């Protein structure tokens, strides 16, 4: 199982990669449903990670 910090990094990387490769997100500058879901996953991972 990965650490909480690794989960945050992976969620952020997934979101950023999607924003760069998704035609709707990249061209329209409006996030699609998948981007919104990935951002929600990132925010949840960030909230769940221990504070430094």
C-alpha atoms as a PDB file:
ATOM      1  CA  UNK A   1       0.000   0.000   0.000  1.00  0.00           C
ATOM      2  CA  UNK A   2       1.351   3.443  -0.865  1.00  0.00           C
ATOM      3  CA  UNK A   3       1.901   6.235   1.581  1.00  0.00           C
ATOM      4  CA  UNK A   4      -0.579   9.125   1.815  1.00  0.00           C
ATOM      5  CA  UNK A   5       2.004  11.469   0.285  1.00  0.00           C
ATOM      6  CA  UNK A   6       2.435   9.140  -2.676  1.00  0.00           C
ATOM      7  CA  UNK A   7      -1.339   8.983  -3.129  1.00  0.00           C
ATOM      8  CA  UNK A   8      -1.481  12.794  -3.256  1.00  0.00           C
ATOM      9  CA  UNK A   9       1.351  12.949  -5.803  1.00  0.00           C
ATOM     10  CA  UNK A  10      -0.269  10.280  -7.973  1.00  0.00           C
ATOM     11  CA  UNK A  11      -3.699  11.931  -7.856  1.00  0.00           C
ATOM     12  CA  UNK A  12      -2.187  15.280  -8.833  1.00  0.00           C
ATOM     13  CA  UNK A  13      -0.192  13.702 -11.669  1.00  0.00           C
ATOM     14  CA  UNK A  14      -3.307  11.934 -12.974  1.00  0.00           C
ATOM     15  CA  UNK A  15      -5.283  15.187 -12.930  1.00  0.00           C
ATOM     16  CA  UNK A  16      -2.541  17.206 -14.634  1.00  0.00           C
ATOM     17  CA  UNK A  17      -1.984  14.553 -17.294  1.00  0.00           C
ATOM     18  CA  UNK A  18      -5.699  14.444 -18.031  1.00  0.00           C
ATOM     19  CA  UNK A  19      -5.885  18.231 -18.345  1.00  0.00           C
ATOM     20  CA  UNK A  20      -3.079  18.148 -20.913  1.00  0.00           C
ATOM     21  CA  UNK A  21      -4.378  15.239 -22.976  1.00  0.00           C
ATOM     22  CA  UNK A  22      -8.166  15.673 -22.863  1.00  0.00           C
ATOM     23  CA  UNK A  23      -9.385  17.498 -25.931  1.00  0.00           C
ATOM     24  CA  UNK A  24     -12.349  19.111 -24.157  1.00  0.00           C
ATOM     25  CA  UNK A  25     -10.327  20.288 -21.167  1.00  0.00           C
ATOM     26  CA  UNK A  26      -7.400  21.511 -23.262  1.00  0.00           C
ATOM     27  CA  UNK A  27      -9.318  23.301 -25.999  1.00  0.00           C
ATOM     28  CA  UNK A  28     -12.430  24.515 -24.224  1.00  0.00           C
ATOM     29  CA  UNK A  29     -10.621  25.377 -20.962  1.00  0.00           C
ATOM     30  CA  UNK A  30     -13.711  23.994 -19.225  1.00  0.00           C
ATOM     31  CA  UNK A  31     -13.118  20.828 -17.234  1.00  0.00           C
ATOM     32  CA  UNK A  32     -15.024  17.739 -18.324  1.00  0.00           C
ATOM     33  CA  UNK A  33     -16.687  15.289 -15.928  1.00  0.00           C
ATOM     34  CA  UNK A  34     -13.561  13.123 -15.734  1.00  0.00           C
ATOM     35  CA  UNK A  35     -11.420  16.140 -14.821  1.00  0.00           C
ATOM     36  CA  UNK A  36     -13.858  17.107 -12.094  1.00  0.00           C
ATOM     37  CA  UNK A  37     -13.740  13.569 -10.717  1.00  0.00           C
ATOM     38  CA  UNK A  38      -9.925  13.460 -10.782  1.00  0.00           C
ATOM     39  CA  UNK A  39      -9.757  16.843  -9.042  1.00  0.00           C
ATOM     40  CA  UNK A  40     -12.157  15.556  -6.383  1.00  0.00           C
ATOM     41  CA  UNK A  41      -9.914  12.500  -5.864  1.00  0.00           C
ATOM     42  CA  UNK A  42      -6.868  14.772  -5.547  1.00  0.00           C
ATOM     43  CA  UNK A  43      -8.593  17.042  -3.034  1.00  0.00           C
ATOM     44  CA  UNK A  44      -9.740  14.059  -0.971  1.00  0.00           C
ATOM     45  CA  UNK A  45      -6.220  12.574  -0.971  1.00  0.00           C
ATOM     46  CA  UNK A  46      -4.763  15.930   0.037  1.00  0.00           C
ATOM     47  CA  UNK A  47      -7.236  16.292   2.891  1.00  0.00           C
ATOM     48  CA  UNK A  48      -6.549  12.742   4.071  1.00  0.00           C
ATOM     49  CA  UNK A  49      -2.760  13.143   4.091  1.00  0.00           C
ATOM     50  CA  UNK A  50      -1.144  13.967   7.442  1.00  0.00           C
ATOM     51  CA  UNK A  51      -0.117  17.586   7.921  1.00  0.00           C
ATOM     52  CA  UNK A  52       3.567  18.440   8.085  1.00  0.00           C
END
